[in-house]
Amino acid sequence: MSKGVNHHRTSVRRLFQGNRALSLGAGALFLASAAGWAWRKFSPELEIAPSWPGKTPHWTSSAKQGVGTACGPGSNLWFTLNHGIVTEVFFPRVDQPAVAQMGLVVTASDGFYSEEKNDAEHSIEYARDGVPLYRLRNTCLAGRYRTEKQIFSHPRFPVLLQKTRFVPLSGSLADYRLHVLVNPHLGNHGWLNQAWLGDYKGEAMLFAEEDGHMLALASSAGWKKRSVGFTSVSDGRQQLR
């Protein structure tokens, strides 16, 4: 969530990824030093998103059901889980949050709108003892869908991996669209994070940068649409409602 200045195409505080009308897909959240990315080369044209500067950024709930990282010294990324979603990602230190929230939104052609964080029953479990992988299951309170996720940190790189399966409980898969909302808090704050749409090696991604650090969000299923905007005024949630 940034209150930032110039951004590519649209910007900044909450990254909205959509529409994935797929039952199975995998996503990855990459974090790195901005010095290694030279991020501005991805955004030659700078614009400001609608409704600048947006509303005051805030953190998610402090309650946690899961805390994770990779085994071994190769990855300096940590994450927390609650309400069926990723609630924070920490990088490059365990005391420095980089993401405040990453969760799914489900919509349908009949006007249906549901956030798995608020509109579903949640369950969480370890894959097995000694394995640093969580399994999350979120069942829609209205009986329309279920999401099944496996979340873990890459053992050698600062990458958070999420494998997602979407199961329609009412209607068919074609009736629904699956979206991802990500709230960047690079530099341990929401202000001044800059976000933009871009591509890396031919893959469509979303990027954010602040305070010498950067994140990128990608999906193996690809993105039908992408956007970035100011929290609570022009972000993905406002576009979908």
C-alpha atoms as a PDB file:
ATOM      1  CA  MET A   1       0.000   0.000   0.000  1.00  0.00           C
ATOM      2  CA  SER A   2       1.865   3.011  -1.102  1.00  0.00           C
ATOM      3  CA  LYS A   3       0.909   6.570  -1.405  1.00  0.00           C
ATOM      4  CA  GLY A   4       3.481   7.028  -4.037  1.00  0.00           C
ATOM      5  CA  VAL A   5       4.308   9.339  -6.772  1.00  0.00           C
ATOM      6  CA  ASN A   6       4.891   8.317 -10.363  1.00  0.00           C
ATOM      7  CA  HIS A   7       3.898   4.892 -11.612  1.00  0.00           C
ATOM      8  CA  HIS A   8       3.667   3.007 -14.889  1.00  0.00           C
ATOM      9  CA  ARG A   9       0.198   3.001 -16.457  1.00  0.00           C
ATOM     10  CA  THR A  10      -1.603   2.708 -13.156  1.00  0.00           C
ATOM     11  CA  SER A  11      -0.211   2.407  -9.700  1.00  0.00           C
ATOM     12  CA  VAL A  12       0.459   1.868  -6.630  1.00  0.00           C
ATOM     13  CA  ARG A  13      -0.677   0.518  -3.337  1.00  0.00           C
ATOM     14  CA  ARG A  14      -2.582  -2.685  -3.940  1.00  0.00           C
ATOM     15  CA  LEU A  15      -1.696  -5.011  -6.810  1.00  0.00           C
ATOM     16  CA  PHE A  16      -4.725  -6.627  -8.415  1.00  0.00           C
ATOM     17  CA  GLN A  17      -4.309  -9.725 -10.525  1.00  0.00           C
ATOM     18  CA  GLY A  18      -7.174 -11.182 -12.487  1.00  0.00           C
ATOM     19  CA  ASN A  19      -8.971 -13.028 -14.101  1.00  0.00           C
ATOM     20  CA  ARG A  20      -7.975 -16.673 -13.704  1.00  0.00           C
ATOM     21  CA  ALA A  21     -10.874 -18.864 -14.767  1.00  0.00           C
ATOM     22  CA  LEU A  22      -8.835 -21.991 -14.041  1.00  0.00           C
ATOM     23  CA  SER A  23      -9.265 -24.787 -11.550  1.00  0.00           C
ATOM     24  CA  LEU A  24      -5.549 -25.228 -10.931  1.00  0.00           C
ATOM     25  CA  GLY A  25      -2.616 -22.826 -11.043  1.00  0.00           C
ATOM     26  CA  ALA A  26       0.571 -21.870  -9.261  1.00  0.00           C
ATOM     27  CA  GLY A  27       1.772 -18.404  -8.337  1.00  0.00           C
ATOM     28  CA  ALA A  28       5.034 -17.004  -7.082  1.00  0.00           C
ATOM     29  CA  LEU A  29       5.920 -13.860  -5.163  1.00  0.00           C
ATOM     30  CA  PHE A  30       9.569 -12.889  -5.730  1.00  0.00           C
ATOM     31  CA  LEU A  31      11.472 -10.410  -3.552  1.00  0.00           C
ATOM     32  CA  ALA A  32      14.891  -8.939  -4.269  1.00  0.00           C
ATOM     33  CA  SER A  33      17.228  -5.995  -3.888  1.00  0.00           C
ATOM     34  CA  ALA A  34      16.264  -3.143  -6.191  1.00  0.00           C
ATOM     35  CA  ALA A  35      19.931  -2.675  -7.059  1.00  0.00           C
ATOM     36  CA  GLY A  36      19.879  -6.047  -8.766  1.00  0.00           C
ATOM     37  CA  TRP A  37      16.720  -5.344 -10.740  1.00  0.00           C
ATOM     38  CA  ALA A  38      17.244  -1.836 -12.092  1.00  0.00           C
ATOM     39  CA  TRP A  39      13.466  -1.589 -11.886  1.00  0.00           C
ATOM     40  CA  ARG A  40      12.919   1.589 -13.832  1.00  0.00           C
ATOM     41  CA  LYS A  41      13.859  -0.085 -17.098  1.00  0.00           C
ATOM     42  CA  PHE A  42      10.514  -1.875 -16.875  1.00  0.00           C
ATOM     43  CA  SER A  43       8.542   1.374 -16.765  1.00  0.00           C
ATOM     44  CA  PRO A  44       9.714   3.864 -19.389  1.00  0.00           C
ATOM     45  CA  GLU A  45       6.403   5.741 -19.269  1.00  0.00           C
ATOM     46  CA  LEU A  46       5.393   6.967 -15.832  1.00  0.00           C
ATOM     47  CA  GLU A  47       1.837   7.867 -14.926  1.00  0.00           C
ATOM     48  CA  ILE A  48      -0.162   8.259 -11.735  1.00  0.00           C
ATOM     49  CA  ALA A  49      -3.046   5.947 -10.907  1.00  0.00           C
ATOM     50  CA  PRO A  50      -6.567   7.377 -10.488  1.00  0.00           C
ATOM     51  CA  SER A  51      -7.572   8.967  -7.166  1.00  0.00           C
ATOM     52  CA  TRP A  52      -4.089   9.743  -5.868  1.00  0.00           C
ATOM     53  CA  PRO A  53      -3.037   9.510  -3.071  1.00  0.00           C
ATOM     54  CA  GLY A  54      -5.653   7.058  -1.796  1.00  0.00           C
ATOM     55  CA  LYS A  55      -6.536   6.358   1.827  1.00  0.00           C
ATOM     56  CA  THR A  56      -4.274   5.793   4.816  1.00  0.00           C
ATOM     57  CA  PRO A  57      -2.473   2.420   4.604  1.00  0.00           C
ATOM     58  CA  HIS A  58      -2.907  -0.058   7.434  1.00  0.00           C
ATOM     59  CA  TRP A  59      -1.661  -3.468   8.493  1.00  0.00           C
ATOM     60  CA  THR A  60      -3.658  -6.673   8.628  1.00  0.00           C
ATOM     61  CA  SER A  61      -4.716  -8.475  11.833  1.00  0.00           C
ATOM     62  CA  SER A  62      -1.969  -9.433  14.285  1.00  0.00           C
ATOM     63  CA  ALA A  63      -3.602 -12.839  14.911  1.00  0.00           C
ATOM     64  CA  LYS A  64      -1.712 -15.699  13.210  1.00  0.00           C
ATOM     65  CA  GLN A  65      -2.485 -19.339  12.515  1.00  0.00           C
ATOM     66  CA  GLY A  66       0.762 -20.151  10.736  1.00  0.00           C
ATOM     67  CA  VAL A  67       4.343 -18.905  10.466  1.00  0.00           C
ATOM     68  CA  GLY A  68       6.719 -20.273   7.855  1.00  0.00           C
ATOM     69  CA  THR A  69      10.103 -20.095   6.165  1.00  0.00           C
ATOM     70  CA  ALA A  70      12.347 -22.463   4.231  1.00  0.00           C
ATOM     71  CA  CYS A  71      14.630 -25.013   5.841  1.00  0.00           C
ATOM     72  CA  GLY A  72      18.277 -24.049   5.505  1.00  0.00           C
ATOM     73  CA  PRO A  73      20.080 -20.720   5.096  1.00  0.00           C
ATOM     74  CA  GLY A  74      19.412 -20.184   1.384  1.00  0.00           C
ATOM     75  CA  SER A  75      16.221 -18.107   1.664  1.00  0.00           C
ATOM     76  CA  ASN A  76      15.793 -14.956   3.744  1.00  0.00           C
ATOM     77  CA  LEU A  77      11.997 -14.863   3.392  1.00  0.00           C
ATOM     78  CA  TRP A  78       9.396 -15.521   6.097  1.00  0.00           C
ATOM     79  CA  PHE A  79       5.585 -15.461   5.952  1.00  0.00           C
ATOM     80  CA  THR A  80       2.509 -15.598   8.180  1.00  0.00           C
ATOM     81  CA  LEU A  81      -0.998 -16.997   7.618  1.00  0.00           C
ATOM     82  CA  ASN A  82      -4.456 -16.247   9.014  1.00  0.00           C
ATOM     83  CA  HIS A  83      -8.083 -16.163   7.813  1.00  0.00           C
ATOM     84  CA  GLY A  84      -7.143 -18.480   4.950  1.00  0.00           C
ATOM     85  CA  ILE A  85      -4.626 -16.119   3.316  1.00  0.00           C
ATOM     86  CA  VAL A  86      -1.038 -14.904   3.484  1.00  0.00           C
ATOM     87  CA  THR A  87      -1.096 -12.054   5.998  1.00  0.00           C
ATOM     88  CA  GLU A  88       2.524 -10.912   5.779  1.00  0.00           C
ATOM     89  CA  VAL A  89       5.740 -11.645   3.931  1.00  0.00           C
ATOM     90  CA  PHE A  90       9.014 -10.575   5.575  1.00  0.00           C
ATOM     91  CA  PHE A  91      12.173  -9.775   3.560  1.00  0.00           C
ATOM     92  CA  PRO A  92      15.151  -9.470   3.791  1.00  0.00           C
ATOM     93  CA  ARG A  93      14.961  -9.807   7.594  1.00  0.00           C
ATOM     94  CA  VAL A  94      12.394 -11.369   9.879  1.00  0.00           C
ATOM     95  CA  ASP A  95      11.712  -7.927  11.399  1.00  0.00           C
ATOM     96  CA  GLN A  96      11.058  -6.198   8.049  1.00  0.00           C
ATOM     97  CA  PRO A  97       7.626  -6.785   6.437  1.00  0.00           C
ATOM     98  CA  ALA A  98       7.429  -6.430   2.668  1.00  0.00           C
ATOM     99  CA  VAL A  99       3.820  -7.521   2.024  1.00  0.00           C
ATOM    100  CA  ALA A 100       0.816  -6.839   4.239  1.00  0.00           C
ATOM    101  CA  GLN A 101      -1.652  -9.233   2.624  1.00  0.00           C
ATOM    102  CA  MET A 102      -2.180 -11.614  -0.309  1.00  0.00           C
ATOM    103  CA  GLY A 103      -5.570 -13.252  -0.803  1.00  0.00           C
ATOM    104  CA  LEU A 104      -8.094 -14.352  -3.411  1.00  0.00           C
ATOM    105  CA  VAL A 105     -11.350 -12.789  -4.579  1.00  0.00           C
ATOM    106  CA  VAL A 106     -13.985 -14.776  -6.462  1.00  0.00           C
ATOM    107  CA  THR A 107     -16.520 -13.154  -8.782  1.00  0.00           C
ATOM    108  CA  ALA A 108     -19.238 -14.491 -11.079  1.00  0.00           C
ATOM    109  CA  SER A 109     -21.249 -13.180 -14.003  1.00  0.00           C
ATOM    110  CA  ASP A 110     -24.381 -12.918 -11.827  1.00  0.00           C
ATOM    111  CA  GLY A 111     -22.775 -10.186  -9.687  1.00  0.00           C
ATOM    112  CA  PHE A 112     -21.415 -12.555  -7.042  1.00  0.00           C
ATOM    113  CA  TYR A 113     -18.422 -11.166  -5.086  1.00  0.00           C
ATOM    114  CA  SER A 114     -16.594 -13.043  -2.348  1.00  0.00           C
ATOM    115  CA  GLU A 115     -13.279 -12.608  -0.543  1.00  0.00           C
ATOM    116  CA  GLU A 116     -11.942 -15.833   0.911  1.00  0.00           C
ATOM    117  CA  LYS A 117     -10.608 -13.882   3.903  1.00  0.00           C
ATOM    118  CA  ASN A 118     -14.030 -12.605   5.007  1.00  0.00           C
ATOM    119  CA  ASP A 119     -16.581 -14.810   3.252  1.00  0.00           C
ATOM    120  CA  ALA A 120     -15.357 -18.357   3.838  1.00  0.00           C
ATOM    121  CA  GLU A 121     -14.716 -20.934   6.542  1.00  0.00           C
ATOM    122  CA  HIS A 122     -11.008 -21.650   6.925  1.00  0.00           C
ATOM    123  CA  SER A 123      -8.921 -24.683   7.783  1.00  0.00           C
ATOM    124  CA  ILE A 124      -5.132 -24.986   7.926  1.00  0.00           C
ATOM    125  CA  GLU A 125      -2.776 -27.935   8.395  1.00  0.00           C
ATOM    126  CA  TYR A 126       0.811 -29.036   7.829  1.00  0.00           C
ATOM    127  CA  ALA A 127       1.429 -31.259   4.836  1.00  0.00           C
ATOM    128  CA  ARG A 128       3.270 -33.607   7.221  1.00  0.00           C
ATOM    129  CA  ASP A 129       5.501 -33.369  10.268  1.00  0.00           C
ATOM    130  CA  GLY A 130       8.842 -31.771   9.491  1.00  0.00           C
ATOM    131  CA  VAL A 131       7.770 -30.401   6.086  1.00  0.00           C
ATOM    132  CA  PRO A 132       7.603 -26.558   5.948  1.00  0.00           C
ATOM    133  CA  LEU A 133       4.466 -26.497   3.762  1.00  0.00           C
ATOM    134  CA  TYR A 134       0.950 -25.408   4.753  1.00  0.00           C
ATOM    135  CA  ARG A 135      -2.318 -26.605   3.268  1.00  0.00           C
ATOM    136  CA  LEU A 136      -5.197 -24.124   3.430  1.00  0.00           C
ATOM    137  CA  ARG A 137      -8.818 -24.815   2.562  1.00  0.00           C
ATOM    138  CA  ASN A 138     -11.406 -22.034   2.332  1.00  0.00           C
ATOM    139  CA  THR A 139     -15.068 -22.948   1.819  1.00  0.00           C
ATOM    140  CA  CYS A 140     -17.471 -20.206   0.717  1.00  0.00           C
ATOM    141  CA  LEU A 141     -20.134 -19.409   3.324  1.00  0.00           C
ATOM    142  CA  ALA A 142     -22.689 -19.124   0.518  1.00  0.00           C
ATOM    143  CA  GLY A 143     -21.817 -22.610  -0.756  1.00  0.00           C
ATOM    144  CA  ARG A 144     -20.508 -21.383  -4.113  1.00  0.00           C
ATOM    145  CA  TYR A 145     -16.844 -22.480  -4.162  1.00  0.00           C
ATOM    146  CA  ARG A 146     -13.843 -23.864  -2.316  1.00  0.00           C
ATOM    147  CA  THR A 147     -10.188 -22.843  -2.643  1.00  0.00           C
ATOM    148  CA  GLU A 148      -7.379 -25.250  -1.777  1.00  0.00           C
ATOM    149  CA  LYS A 149      -3.881 -23.822  -1.418  1.00  0.00           C
ATOM    150  CA  GLN A 150      -0.406 -25.111  -0.688  1.00  0.00           C
ATOM    151  CA  ILE A 151       1.985 -22.393   0.513  1.00  0.00           C
ATOM    152  CA  PHE A 152       5.713 -22.655   1.108  1.00  0.00           C
ATOM    153  CA  SER A 153       8.966 -20.731   0.760  1.00  0.00           C
ATOM    154  CA  HIS A 154      11.588 -21.682  -1.850  1.00  0.00           C
ATOM    155  CA  PRO A 155      14.599 -23.293  -0.120  1.00  0.00           C
ATOM    156  CA  ARG A 156      17.238 -21.384  -2.118  1.00  0.00           C
ATOM    157  CA  PHE A 157      15.660 -18.097  -3.218  1.00  0.00           C
ATOM    158  CA  PRO A 158      13.509 -15.338  -1.650  1.00  0.00           C
ATOM    159  CA  VAL A 159      10.342 -16.641  -3.312  1.00  0.00           C
ATOM    160  CA  LEU A 160       6.962 -17.479  -1.795  1.00  0.00           C
ATOM    161  CA  LEU A 161       5.134 -20.187  -3.760  1.00  0.00           C
ATOM    162  CA  GLN A 162       1.382 -20.756  -3.683  1.00  0.00           C
ATOM    163  CA  LYS A 163      -0.313 -23.597  -5.539  1.00  0.00           C
ATOM    164  CA  THR A 164      -4.031 -22.925  -5.865  1.00  0.00           C
ATOM    165  CA  ARG A 165      -6.945 -25.164  -6.802  1.00  0.00           C
ATOM    166  CA  PHE A 166     -10.381 -23.609  -7.310  1.00  0.00           C
ATOM    167  CA  VAL A 167     -13.387 -25.921  -6.911  1.00  0.00           C
ATOM    168  CA  PRO A 168     -16.888 -24.699  -7.913  1.00  0.00           C
ATOM    169  CA  LEU A 169     -19.539 -26.045  -5.520  1.00  0.00           C
ATOM    170  CA  SER A 170     -22.434 -24.441  -7.388  1.00  0.00           C
ATOM    171  CA  GLY A 171     -22.561 -24.033 -11.144  1.00  0.00           C
ATOM    172  CA  SER A 172     -19.585 -24.713 -13.406  1.00  0.00           C
ATOM    173  CA  LEU A 173     -15.993 -23.512 -13.508  1.00  0.00           C
ATOM    174  CA  ALA A 174     -16.817 -21.240 -16.449  1.00  0.00           C
ATOM    175  CA  ASP A 175     -19.222 -19.255 -14.238  1.00  0.00           C
ATOM    176  CA  TYR A 176     -16.415 -17.877 -12.048  1.00  0.00           C
ATOM    177  CA  ARG A 177     -13.350 -15.661 -12.181  1.00  0.00           C
ATOM    178  CA  LEU A 178     -10.488 -15.908  -9.695  1.00  0.00           C
ATOM    179  CA  HIS A 179      -8.495 -12.810  -8.722  1.00  0.00           C
ATOM    180  CA  VAL A 180      -5.484 -12.159  -6.500  1.00  0.00           C
ATOM    181  CA  LEU A 181      -5.136  -9.061  -4.301  1.00  0.00           C
ATOM    182  CA  VAL A 182      -1.660  -8.191  -3.017  1.00  0.00           C
ATOM    183  CA  ASN A 183      -0.887  -5.304  -0.682  1.00  0.00           C
ATOM    184  CA  PRO A 184       2.836  -4.347  -0.850  1.00  0.00           C
ATOM    185  CA  HIS A 185       4.449  -2.818   2.233  1.00  0.00           C
ATOM    186  CA  LEU A 186       8.066  -2.759   1.120  1.00  0.00           C
ATOM    187  CA  GLY A 187      10.358  -0.884   3.462  1.00  0.00           C
ATOM    188  CA  ASN A 188       8.119  -1.745   6.433  1.00  0.00           C
ATOM    189  CA  HIS A 189       5.462   0.822   5.497  1.00  0.00           C
ATOM    190  CA  GLY A 190       2.636   1.418   3.049  1.00  0.00           C
ATOM    191  CA  TRP A 191       3.507   4.928   1.898  1.00  0.00           C
ATOM    192  CA  LEU A 192       5.627   5.538  -1.210  1.00  0.00           C
ATOM    193  CA  ASN A 193       5.568   1.978  -2.539  1.00  0.00           C
ATOM    194  CA  GLN A 194       5.569   2.247  -6.323  1.00  0.00           C
ATOM    195  CA  ALA A 195       3.852  -0.442  -8.390  1.00  0.00           C
ATOM    196  CA  TRP A 196       3.521  -1.050 -12.122  1.00  0.00           C
ATOM    197  CA  LEU A 197       2.640  -3.614 -14.787  1.00  0.00           C
ATOM    198  CA  GLY A 198       5.469  -5.173 -16.742  1.00  0.00           C
ATOM    199  CA  ASP A 199       6.994  -8.251 -18.322  1.00  0.00           C
ATOM    200  CA  TYR A 200      10.137 -10.211 -17.533  1.00  0.00           C
ATOM    201  CA  LYS A 201      11.522 -12.636 -20.129  1.00  0.00           C
ATOM    202  CA  GLY A 202       8.159 -12.612 -21.862  1.00  0.00           C
ATOM    203  CA  GLU A 203       6.158 -13.343 -18.697  1.00  0.00           C
ATOM    204  CA  ALA A 204       3.491 -10.870 -17.585  1.00  0.00           C
ATOM    205  CA  MET A 205       4.029  -9.803 -13.980  1.00  0.00           C
ATOM    206  CA  LEU A 206       3.240  -7.060 -11.485  1.00  0.00           C
ATOM    207  CA  PHE A 207       6.049  -5.200  -9.733  1.00  0.00           C
ATOM    208  CA  ALA A 208       6.470  -2.959  -6.692  1.00  0.00           C
ATOM    209  CA  GLU A 209       9.519  -1.109  -5.315  1.00  0.00           C
ATOM    210  CA  GLU A 210      10.426   0.973  -2.300  1.00  0.00           C
ATOM    211  CA  ASP A 211      13.354   1.625   0.011  1.00  0.00           C
ATOM    212  CA  GLY A 212      15.887  -0.411  -1.962  1.00  0.00           C
ATOM    213  CA  HIS A 213      13.743  -3.556  -2.235  1.00  0.00           C
ATOM    214  CA  MET A 214      11.389  -4.959  -4.850  1.00  0.00           C
ATOM    215  CA  LEU A 215       8.745  -7.617  -5.377  1.00  0.00           C
ATOM    216  CA  ALA A 216       7.276  -9.303  -8.444  1.00  0.00           C
ATOM    217  CA  LEU A 217       4.106 -11.394  -8.705  1.00  0.00           C
ATOM    218  CA  ALA A 218       3.739 -14.074 -11.400  1.00  0.00           C
ATOM    219  CA  SER A 219       1.367 -16.941 -12.197  1.00  0.00           C
ATOM    220  CA  SER A 220       1.907 -20.169 -14.128  1.00  0.00           C
ATOM    221  CA  ALA A 221      -1.670 -19.826 -15.412  1.00  0.00           C
ATOM    222  CA  GLY A 222      -1.011 -16.351 -16.782  1.00  0.00           C
ATOM    223  CA  TRP A 223      -3.135 -13.262 -16.226  1.00  0.00           C
ATOM    224  CA  LYS A 224      -6.177 -12.324 -18.279  1.00  0.00           C
ATOM    225  CA  LYS A 225      -6.122  -8.799 -16.821  1.00  0.00           C
ATOM    226  CA  ARG A 226      -3.830  -6.838 -14.487  1.00  0.00           C
ATOM    227  CA  SER A 227      -4.054  -3.500 -12.742  1.00  0.00           C
ATOM    228  CA  VAL A 228      -2.564  -1.516  -9.884  1.00  0.00           C
ATOM    229  CA  GLY A 229      -4.194   1.264  -7.915  1.00  0.00           C
ATOM    230  CA  PHE A 230      -4.457   3.260  -4.709  1.00  0.00           C
ATOM    231  CA  THR A 231      -5.902   1.405  -1.726  1.00  0.00           C
ATOM    232  CA  SER A 232      -9.635   1.796  -1.120  1.00  0.00           C
ATOM    233  CA  VAL A 233     -10.124   4.190  -4.045  1.00  0.00           C
ATOM    234  CA  SER A 234      -8.808   2.635  -7.279  1.00  0.00           C
ATOM    235  CA  ASP A 235      -7.416  -0.774  -6.319  1.00  0.00           C
ATOM    236  CA  GLY A 236      -8.632  -4.153  -7.550  1.00  0.00           C
ATOM    237  CA  ARG A 237     -11.224  -4.499  -4.818  1.00  0.00           C
ATOM    238  CA  GLN A 238     -12.915  -1.263  -5.913  1.00  0.00           C
ATOM    239  CA  GLN A 239     -12.830  -2.349  -9.556  1.00  0.00           C
ATOM    240  CA  LEU A 240     -14.434  -5.720  -8.843  1.00  0.00           C
ATOM    241  CA  ARG A 241     -17.257  -4.600  -6.558  1.00  0.00           C
END
